Amino acid sequence: MKFTNLTATEFGTFADKMENSHFTQMVGNYELKIAEGTETHLVGVKNNNNEVIAACLLTAVPVMKFFKYFYSNRGPVIDFDNKELVHYFFNELNKYLKKHNALYFRVDPYLPYQYRNHDGDILNNAGNDWFFDKMKALGYKHQGFVTGFDPIIQIRFHSVLDLQDKTAKDVLNNMDSLRKRNTKKVQKNGVKVRFLTEEELPIFRSFMEDTSESKDFHDRDDSFYINRFKYYKDRVLVPLAYIDFVEYIDELKAEGEVLTKDINKAIKDIEKRPDNKKSHNKKENLEKQLQTNEQKIAEAEALKAKHGNELPISAAFFIINPFEVVYYAGGTANEFRHFAGSYAIQWQMINYALDHNINRYNFYGISGDFSEDAEDAGVIKFKKGFNADVVEYVGDFIKPINKPMYNVYKALKKVKDKVSKH
């Protein structure tokens, strides 16, 4: 075995073969970091046949003028079951980081720790407890089993729907009643889905603005999404849900005609049997449905007159690799939430994953606070409704590479933090 730098092609080919690779560990992210002017390294391990058996994207930023802070976002891409290889990789990486003037190194492997349900109950241990001991022995300090959202630390909890050996029908049947109802609803209320081009990204951004304001969360800036769209290329899809009013109004009118026929039938039944309570109830129920139908037609025609035939109602940002479809972000126009555009998008992308034999549909981060008071309680409920489970990851590890200077750095940082609080 030898620890070595990798070419972008070697790195990308290997990462695309490994089922535990995260979208931050792919060539598109390497090209993005280079374009942004971030110092970026591709390292890995090759076996005696010169085949890549481990790969990792590292970034470095200056710290304390003469040193660098190195970070691997969800790396390395490695067979974690091969403990000898894991030991070798981290041991050799330490030597590499020393050569490149690293002050300290942070890593948050894409390695599960526990599996939970959306009530927070532990379903299973992932069998990676040994990794904590291994990292400790290698000089790393675990940063704790943190919960919540942090601008620096990667989220430790993902909501993941397992699609292995499932059909679209299976997925639909496993949803809770609300998710099932809304998914069926969008299939017959004129909601269509298409993918946005780079020039159309401002449409997605406007929905994100709406959502971040209404839900009071801090969103990434425009460049974050634009750059990933540009450099991740076909690994990014931005679906837009919109209403086709011509089709929607036609559907509603056809539904209205059926309801009118059924009402007339119920009236005839009442004429024949005036005391039949069931017919009276049926007529009353059908009339309510027809009234709702007429209100929907009136609303649709008014919106068509105002917005034209197509009305964008929701958009989302997905990142894809050969093993995972990740729902990274999404937003909906508050005014049109009742059209359930986000469900049309989820259903489209779940089917995309099924069609491309991708077994992991990742609804992405949740806080790890499963109480009713959680800041993302509504989001957790939404993701739970699709019958997803929760993957809890091992978290962050930090290793000082230059110990004496790292202690100086920490002391200075402590003083700086103290001053900024006052």
Protein backbone atom coordinates (compact mmCIF):
# COMPACT_ATOMS: atom_id res chain seq x y z
CA MET A 1 0.00 0.00 0.00
CA LYS A 2 1.08 3.58 -0.55
CA PHE A 3 -0.39 6.94 0.46
CA THR A 4 -0.29 9.34 -2.47
CA ASN A 5 -1.85 12.30 -4.24
CA LEU A 6 -4.56 11.37 -6.73
CA THR A 7 -5.55 12.89 -10.05
CA ALA A 8 -9.09 14.26 -10.35
CA THR A 9 -9.96 11.33 -12.65
CA GLU A 10 -8.61 8.72 -10.19
CA PHE A 11 -10.43 10.40 -7.32
CA GLY A 12 -13.75 10.73 -9.20
CA THR A 13 -13.74 7.20 -10.58
CA PHE A 14 -13.12 5.70 -7.14
CA ALA A 15 -15.65 7.93 -5.30
CA ASP A 16 -18.33 6.98 -7.84
CA LYS A 17 -17.79 3.28 -7.03
CA MET A 18 -18.16 3.62 -3.25
CA GLU A 19 -21.64 3.52 -1.74
CA ASN A 20 -20.57 5.54 1.32
CA SER A 21 -19.42 8.57 -0.69
CA HIS A 22 -20.98 11.96 0.00
CA PHE A 23 -21.58 14.61 -2.66
CA THR A 24 -18.85 16.81 -1.12
CA GLN A 25 -16.38 14.04 -2.00
CA MET A 26 -16.75 14.19 -5.77
CA VAL A 27 -14.89 15.81 -8.66
CA GLY A 28 -17.45 18.61 -9.03
CA ASN A 29 -16.67 19.83 -5.53
CA TYR A 30 -12.92 19.66 -6.21
CA GLU A 31 -13.37 21.81 -9.34
CA LEU A 32 -15.58 24.24 -7.43
CA LYS A 33 -13.05 24.66 -4.60
CA ILE A 34 -10.23 25.27 -7.10
CA ALA A 35 -12.38 27.86 -8.93
CA GLU A 36 -13.10 29.60 -5.62
CA GLY A 37 -9.37 29.82 -4.94
CA THR A 38 -9.41 27.42 -1.98
CA GLU A 39 -6.29 25.33 -1.49
CA THR A 40 -7.50 21.79 -2.26
CA HIS A 41 -5.75 18.42 -2.11
CA LEU A 42 -6.80 15.02 -3.46
CA VAL A 43 -5.11 12.22 -1.53
CA GLY A 44 -5.64 8.52 -1.19
CA VAL A 45 -4.21 5.05 -0.88
CA LYS A 46 -3.25 2.69 -3.71
CA ASN A 47 -2.67 -1.03 -3.37
CA ASN A 48 0.27 -2.97 -4.79
CA ASN A 49 -1.48 -3.17 -8.19
CA ASN A 50 -1.63 0.65 -8.28
CA GLU A 51 -5.45 0.58 -7.79
CA VAL A 52 -7.06 3.30 -5.67
CA ILE A 53 -8.52 1.82 -2.45
CA ALA A 54 -9.14 5.05 -0.50
CA ALA A 55 -9.68 8.68 -1.53
CA CYS A 56 -10.18 12.00 0.18
CA LEU A 57 -10.72 15.64 -0.74
CA LEU A 58 -9.04 18.05 1.68
CA THR A 59 -9.29 21.83 1.85
CA ALA A 60 -6.87 24.16 3.60
CA VAL A 61 -7.19 27.76 4.76
CA PRO A 62 -4.50 29.98 6.33
CA VAL A 63 -4.50 30.35 10.10
CA MET A 64 -2.08 32.33 12.34
CA LYS A 65 -0.22 33.59 9.22
CA PHE A 66 2.19 30.66 8.90
CA PHE A 67 -0.09 27.66 9.37
CA LYS A 68 -3.11 26.02 7.78
CA TYR A 69 -6.36 24.56 9.02
CA PHE A 70 -7.17 21.41 7.04
CA TYR A 71 -10.66 19.97 6.70
CA SER A 72 -12.20 16.97 5.02
CA ASN A 73 -15.93 17.40 4.48
CA ARG A 74 -17.48 13.91 4.88
CA GLY A 75 -14.25 12.16 3.94
CA PRO A 76 -12.48 9.91 3.50
CA VAL A 77 -14.15 7.69 0.89
CA ILE A 78 -12.96 4.33 2.20
CA ASP A 79 -14.12 0.86 3.14
CA PHE A 80 -14.55 1.47 6.88
CA ASP A 81 -14.89 -2.29 7.46
CA ASN A 82 -11.22 -2.62 6.52
CA LYS A 83 -9.80 -1.46 9.86
CA GLU A 84 -6.20 -1.98 8.78
CA LEU A 85 -6.76 0.33 5.79
CA VAL A 86 -8.50 2.95 7.97
CA HIS A 87 -5.54 2.94 10.39
CA TYR A 88 -3.03 3.19 7.54
CA PHE A 89 -4.91 6.05 5.85
CA PHE A 90 -5.16 8.27 8.95
CA ASN A 91 -1.62 7.45 10.04
CA GLU A 92 -0.17 8.41 6.65
CA LEU A 93 -2.46 11.43 6.37
CA ASN A 94 -0.90 12.78 9.57
CA LYS A 95 2.57 12.73 7.93
CA TYR A 96 1.15 14.43 4.82
CA LEU A 97 -0.49 17.19 6.86
CA LYS A 98 2.75 17.84 8.78
CA LYS A 99 4.60 18.29 5.48
CA HIS A 100 1.99 20.86 4.40
CA ASN A 101 2.28 23.00 7.53
CA ALA A 102 -1.05 22.03 9.07
CA LEU A 103 -1.89 23.47 12.47
CA TYR A 104 -4.85 21.16 13.00
CA PHE A 105 -7.23 18.94 11.04
CA ARG A 106 -11.00 18.44 11.28
CA VAL A 107 -12.86 15.48 9.78
CA ASP A 108 -16.52 14.39 9.91
CA PRO A 109 -16.71 10.99 8.18
CA TYR A 110 -19.85 9.90 6.34
CA LEU A 111 -20.05 6.99 8.75
CA PRO A 112 -23.28 6.04 10.56
CA TYR A 113 -23.27 5.71 14.33
CA GLN A 114 -26.92 4.80 15.03
CA TYR A 115 -30.20 4.36 13.22
CA ARG A 116 -33.32 5.93 14.76
CA ASN A 117 -36.95 6.58 13.96
CA HIS A 118 -38.36 10.11 13.80
CA ASP A 119 -39.46 9.93 17.42
CA GLY A 120 -35.78 9.62 18.32
CA ASP A 121 -35.92 5.97 19.40
CA ILE A 122 -32.77 3.99 18.58
CA LEU A 123 -33.58 1.18 16.16
CA ASN A 124 -30.06 -0.14 15.64
CA ASN A 125 -26.41 0.48 16.30
CA ALA A 126 -24.47 0.78 13.03
CA GLY A 127 -21.57 -1.26 14.43
CA ASN A 128 -18.97 1.49 14.17
CA ASP A 129 -18.26 2.09 17.87
CA TRP A 130 -14.68 0.86 17.32
CA PHE A 131 -14.04 3.96 15.20
CA PHE A 132 -14.17 6.28 18.24
CA ASP A 133 -11.45 4.24 19.98
CA LYS A 134 -9.37 4.09 16.80
CA MET A 135 -9.51 7.89 16.32
CA LYS A 136 -8.66 8.48 19.96
CA ALA A 137 -5.63 6.20 19.63
CA LEU A 138 -4.59 8.17 16.55
CA GLY A 139 -4.67 11.45 18.52
CA TYR A 140 -8.10 12.77 17.52
CA LYS A 141 -10.56 14.36 19.92
CA HIS A 142 -14.24 13.67 19.29
CA GLN A 143 -16.27 16.89 19.36
CA GLY A 144 -19.24 15.24 21.06
CA PHE A 145 -22.66 13.99 20.03
CA VAL A 146 -23.94 17.42 19.15
CA THR A 147 -27.47 18.23 18.05
CA GLY A 148 -28.93 21.27 16.33
CA PHE A 149 -27.70 23.35 13.41
CA ASP A 150 -24.28 24.97 13.32
CA PRO A 151 -22.60 27.09 10.60
CA ILE A 152 -19.31 25.14 10.92
CA ILE A 153 -20.23 21.63 12.07
CA GLN A 154 -21.95 19.31 9.59
CA ILE A 155 -25.39 18.15 10.66
CA ARG A 156 -25.18 14.78 12.46
CA PHE A 157 -28.69 13.55 11.65
CA HIS A 158 -30.11 12.78 8.21
CA SER A 159 -33.60 11.63 7.34
CA VAL A 160 -33.20 8.83 4.79
CA LEU A 161 -35.78 6.84 2.84
CA ASP A 162 -34.52 3.39 1.84
CA LEU A 163 -35.71 2.59 -1.70
CA GLN A 164 -33.97 -0.78 -2.07
CA ASP A 165 -36.26 -3.38 -3.67
CA LYS A 166 -39.21 -0.94 -3.56
CA THR A 167 -41.61 0.18 -6.27
CA ALA A 168 -43.32 3.58 -6.48
CA LYS A 169 -46.49 1.87 -5.25
CA ASP A 170 -44.64 0.50 -2.18
CA VAL A 171 -43.32 3.98 -1.35
CA LEU A 172 -46.78 5.53 -1.67
CA ASN A 173 -48.42 2.82 0.45
CA ASN A 174 -45.83 3.30 3.22
CA MET A 175 -46.51 7.03 3.60
CA ASP A 176 -48.74 8.37 6.37
CA SER A 177 -52.27 9.45 5.39
CA LEU A 178 -51.45 13.16 4.92
CA ARG A 179 -48.38 12.51 2.72
CA LYS A 180 -50.32 9.92 0.72
CA ARG A 181 -53.29 12.23 0.25
CA ASN A 182 -51.16 15.19 -0.85
CA THR A 183 -49.06 13.05 -3.20
CA LYS A 184 -52.21 11.71 -4.87
CA LYS A 185 -53.74 15.21 -4.91
CA VAL A 186 -50.89 16.77 -6.91
CA GLN A 187 -51.15 14.06 -9.52
CA LYS A 188 -54.63 15.26 -10.49
CA ASN A 189 -54.71 18.98 -9.83
CA GLY A 190 -52.70 20.28 -12.78
CA VAL A 191 -49.37 20.45 -10.91
CA LYS A 192 -46.50 19.71 -13.28
CA VAL A 193 -42.75 19.46 -12.66
CA ARG A 194 -39.89 20.51 -14.92
CA PHE A 195 -36.18 21.20 -14.29
CA LEU A 196 -34.79 24.72 -14.16
CA THR A 197 -31.80 25.86 -16.21
CA GLU A 198 -28.92 27.88 -14.77
CA GLU A 199 -30.50 31.10 -16.10
CA GLU A 200 -33.73 30.25 -14.26
CA LEU A 201 -32.10 29.74 -10.83
CA PRO A 202 -33.49 33.11 -9.59
CA ILE A 203 -36.94 31.43 -9.60
CA PHE A 204 -35.67 28.85 -7.09
CA ARG A 205 -33.94 31.57 -5.06
CA SER A 206 -37.17 33.59 -4.78
CA PHE A 207 -38.94 30.56 -3.27
CA MET A 208 -36.07 30.06 -0.82
CA GLU A 209 -36.40 33.72 0.22
CA ASP A 210 -40.11 33.23 0.87
CA THR A 211 -39.51 30.10 2.92
CA SER A 212 -36.56 31.43 4.94
CA GLU A 213 -38.62 34.50 5.90
CA SER A 214 -41.70 32.52 6.92
CA LYS A 215 -39.75 29.82 8.79
CA ASP A 216 -37.07 32.17 10.12
CA PHE A 217 -33.96 30.23 9.07
CA HIS A 218 -30.71 31.46 7.56
CA ASP A 219 -30.31 30.38 3.95
CA ARG A 220 -27.10 30.19 1.89
CA ASP A 221 -26.43 33.06 -0.51
CA ASP A 222 -27.06 32.95 -4.27
CA SER A 223 -23.45 32.10 -5.17
CA PHE A 224 -23.58 28.89 -3.11
CA TYR A 225 -26.31 27.43 -5.33
CA ILE A 226 -25.12 29.00 -8.59
CA ASN A 227 -21.58 27.63 -8.17
CA ARG A 228 -22.77 24.14 -7.32
CA PHE A 229 -25.13 24.14 -10.28
CA LYS A 230 -22.21 25.17 -12.50
CA TYR A 231 -19.51 22.81 -11.19
CA TYR A 232 -21.55 19.78 -10.14
CA LYS A 233 -23.04 19.78 -13.66
CA ASP A 234 -25.48 16.87 -14.14
CA ARG A 235 -25.15 16.02 -10.43
CA VAL A 236 -27.56 18.89 -9.63
CA LEU A 237 -31.25 18.99 -10.49
CA VAL A 238 -33.52 21.92 -9.63
CA PRO A 239 -37.15 20.81 -10.08
CA LEU A 240 -39.86 23.46 -10.38
CA ALA A 241 -43.50 22.66 -9.59
CA TYR A 242 -45.96 24.78 -11.53
CA ILE A 243 -49.67 24.77 -12.36
CA ASP A 244 -50.81 24.35 -15.93
CA PHE A 245 -54.13 26.20 -15.68
CA VAL A 246 -55.54 25.03 -19.02
CA GLU A 247 -55.18 21.41 -17.96
CA TYR A 248 -56.20 22.09 -14.35
CA ILE A 249 -59.40 23.98 -15.32
CA ASP A 250 -60.33 21.27 -17.85
CA GLU A 251 -59.89 18.61 -15.14
CA LEU A 252 -62.01 20.59 -12.68
CA LYS A 253 -64.79 21.11 -15.24
CA ALA A 254 -64.82 17.40 -16.10
CA GLU A 255 -65.01 16.63 -12.37
CA GLY A 256 -67.88 19.14 -12.04
CA GLU A 257 -69.82 17.43 -14.83
CA VAL A 258 -69.50 14.05 -13.09
CA LEU A 259 -70.65 15.59 -9.78
CA THR A 260 -73.67 17.24 -11.49
CA LYS A 261 -74.69 13.88 -13.02
CA ASP A 262 -74.35 12.18 -9.63
CA ILE A 263 -76.48 14.92 -7.97
CA ASN A 264 -79.21 14.48 -10.61
CA LYS A 265 -79.11 10.73 -9.99
CA ALA A 266 -79.46 11.30 -6.24
CA ILE A 267 -82.44 13.66 -6.87
CA LYS A 268 -84.19 10.92 -8.91
CA ASP A 269 -83.52 8.43 -6.10
CA ILE A 270 -85.13 10.86 -3.61
CA GLU A 271 -88.17 11.33 -5.89
CA LYS A 272 -88.63 7.55 -5.95
CA ARG A 273 -88.00 7.09 -2.24
CA PRO A 274 -88.47 10.43 -0.39
CA ASP A 275 -87.84 8.82 3.01
CA ASN A 276 -84.45 7.34 2.05
CA LYS A 277 -82.07 9.20 4.36
CA LYS A 278 -79.03 7.78 2.59
CA SER A 279 -79.99 9.47 -0.71
CA HIS A 280 -80.55 12.80 1.04
CA ASN A 281 -77.10 12.57 2.69
CA LYS A 282 -75.50 11.60 -0.60
CA LYS A 283 -77.08 14.57 -2.39
CA GLU A 284 -75.97 16.96 0.35
CA ASN A 285 -72.41 15.62 0.25
CA LEU A 286 -72.23 15.83 -3.56
CA GLU A 287 -73.54 19.42 -3.52
CA LYS A 288 -70.78 20.41 -1.09
CA GLN A 289 -68.21 18.80 -3.39
CA LEU A 290 -69.65 20.66 -6.39
CA GLN A 291 -69.52 23.95 -4.48
CA THR A 292 -65.83 23.33 -3.65
CA ASN A 293 -65.23 22.42 -7.29
CA GLU A 294 -66.80 25.69 -8.48
CA GLN A 295 -64.70 27.66 -5.99
CA LYS A 296 -61.55 25.97 -7.30
CA ILE A 297 -62.51 26.83 -10.91
CA ALA A 298 -63.14 30.46 -9.94
CA GLU A 299 -59.76 30.62 -8.13
CA ALA A 300 -57.94 28.95 -11.06
CA GLU A 301 -59.48 31.32 -13.61
CA ALA A 302 -58.61 34.37 -11.51
CA LEU A 303 -55.00 33.16 -11.11
CA LYS A 304 -54.77 32.38 -14.83
CA ALA A 305 -55.95 35.91 -15.66
CA LYS A 306 -53.31 37.34 -13.30
CA HIS A 307 -50.30 35.07 -13.94
CA GLY A 308 -50.86 33.52 -17.36
CA ASN A 309 -51.23 29.81 -18.07
CA GLU A 310 -48.26 28.68 -15.95
CA LEU A 311 -47.87 29.57 -12.28
CA PRO A 312 -44.61 28.52 -10.51
CA ILE A 313 -45.46 27.40 -6.95
CA SER A 314 -42.45 25.55 -5.53
CA ALA A 315 -38.82 24.66 -6.30
CA ALA A 316 -36.04 22.57 -4.76
CA PHE A 317 -32.31 21.88 -5.09
CA PHE A 318 -31.15 18.26 -5.34
CA ILE A 319 -27.61 16.89 -5.44
CA ILE A 320 -27.08 13.41 -6.84
CA ASN A 321 -24.34 10.79 -6.96
CA PRO A 322 -24.64 7.17 -8.17
CA PHE A 323 -25.86 5.99 -4.75
CA GLU A 324 -27.88 8.86 -3.31
CA VAL A 325 -30.42 11.53 -4.20
CA VAL A 326 -30.11 14.38 -1.70
CA TYR A 327 -32.90 16.89 -1.11
CA TYR A 328 -30.61 19.76 -0.17
CA ALA A 329 -33.05 22.68 -0.01
CA GLY A 330 -36.53 23.67 -1.09
CA GLY A 331 -38.98 26.53 -0.94
CA THR A 332 -42.64 27.23 -1.68
CA ALA A 333 -44.58 30.41 -2.42
CA ASN A 334 -46.53 30.98 0.81
CA GLU A 335 -49.56 32.24 -1.13
CA PHE A 336 -49.86 28.95 -3.03
CA ARG A 337 -48.98 26.39 -0.33
CA HIS A 338 -52.46 24.83 -0.63
CA PHE A 339 -51.51 23.48 -4.08
CA ALA A 340 -48.91 21.23 -2.35
CA GLY A 341 -46.23 21.83 -4.98
CA SER A 342 -43.48 20.45 -2.72
CA TYR A 343 -45.21 17.04 -2.79
CA ALA A 344 -45.14 17.03 -6.60
CA ILE A 345 -41.39 17.67 -6.42
CA GLN A 346 -40.74 14.94 -3.83
CA TRP A 347 -42.75 12.44 -5.83
CA GLN A 348 -40.94 13.35 -9.06
CA MET A 349 -37.54 12.93 -7.43
CA ILE A 350 -38.42 9.71 -5.58
CA ASN A 351 -39.39 8.31 -8.97
CA TYR A 352 -36.16 9.68 -10.45
CA ALA A 353 -34.22 7.70 -7.82
CA LEU A 354 -36.26 4.54 -8.51
CA ASP A 355 -35.81 4.90 -12.30
CA HIS A 356 -32.03 5.29 -11.88
CA ASN A 357 -31.69 2.39 -9.37
CA ILE A 358 -30.55 4.77 -6.61
CA ASN A 359 -31.42 3.20 -3.26
CA ARG A 360 -30.98 6.14 -0.88
CA TYR A 361 -33.38 9.07 -0.98
CA ASN A 362 -31.90 11.50 1.51
CA PHE A 363 -34.25 14.20 2.87
CA TYR A 364 -31.05 15.50 4.49
CA GLY A 365 -30.48 17.28 7.76
CA ILE A 366 -32.62 17.39 10.86
CA SER A 367 -31.60 18.82 14.23
CA GLY A 368 -31.56 15.61 16.27
CA ASP A 369 -33.97 17.22 18.75
CA PHE A 370 -37.05 15.02 18.58
CA SER A 371 -39.16 16.97 21.08
CA GLU A 372 -42.30 18.88 20.12
CA ASP A 373 -40.42 22.13 20.83
CA ALA A 374 -37.63 21.40 18.33
CA GLU A 375 -36.82 24.27 15.98
CA ASP A 376 -37.48 21.96 13.04
CA ALA A 377 -40.41 19.99 14.52
CA GLY A 378 -42.55 20.63 11.40
CA VAL A 379 -39.77 19.51 9.06
CA ILE A 380 -39.23 16.32 11.11
CA LYS A 381 -42.96 15.56 10.90
CA PHE A 382 -42.92 16.11 7.12
CA LYS A 383 -39.96 13.75 6.59
CA LYS A 384 -41.32 11.17 9.02
CA GLY A 385 -44.52 11.07 6.98
CA PHE A 386 -42.68 9.56 4.01
CA ASN A 387 -41.65 6.61 6.21
CA ALA A 388 -38.00 7.63 6.27
CA ASP A 389 -35.63 6.62 9.08
CA VAL A 390 -32.95 8.70 10.78
CA VAL A 391 -29.24 8.05 10.27
CA GLU A 392 -27.10 9.52 13.05
CA TYR A 393 -23.48 10.01 12.00
CA VAL A 394 -20.34 9.73 14.14
CA GLY A 395 -19.69 13.48 14.19
CA ASP A 396 -16.58 15.65 14.11
CA PHE A 397 -13.02 14.78 15.14
CA ILE A 398 -10.16 17.24 15.53
CA LYS A 399 -6.46 16.45 15.60
CA PRO A 400 -3.74 18.99 16.46
CA ILE A 401 -0.92 18.49 13.95
CA ASN A 402 1.45 21.04 15.49
CA LYS A 403 0.56 20.61 19.17
CA PRO A 404 2.55 23.51 20.74
CA MET A 405 1.24 26.05 18.21
CA TYR A 406 -2.28 24.61 18.39
CA ASN A 407 -2.29 25.27 22.15
CA VAL A 408 -1.21 28.86 21.48
CA TYR A 409 -3.95 29.18 18.85
CA LYS A 410 -6.61 27.88 21.27
CA ALA A 411 -5.47 30.28 24.01
CA LEU A 412 -5.60 33.25 21.61
CA LYS A 413 -9.02 32.19 20.35
CA LYS A 414 -10.31 31.96 23.93
CA VAL A 415 -9.17 35.53 24.62
CA LYS A 416 -10.67 36.76 21.32
CA ASP A 417 -14.02 35.08 22.08
CA LYS A 418 -14.04 36.61 25.55
CA VAL A 419 -13.39 40.10 24.17
CA SER A 420 -16.08 39.78 21.47
CA LYS A 421 -18.66 38.81 24.13
CA HIS A 422 -17.96 42.06 25.98
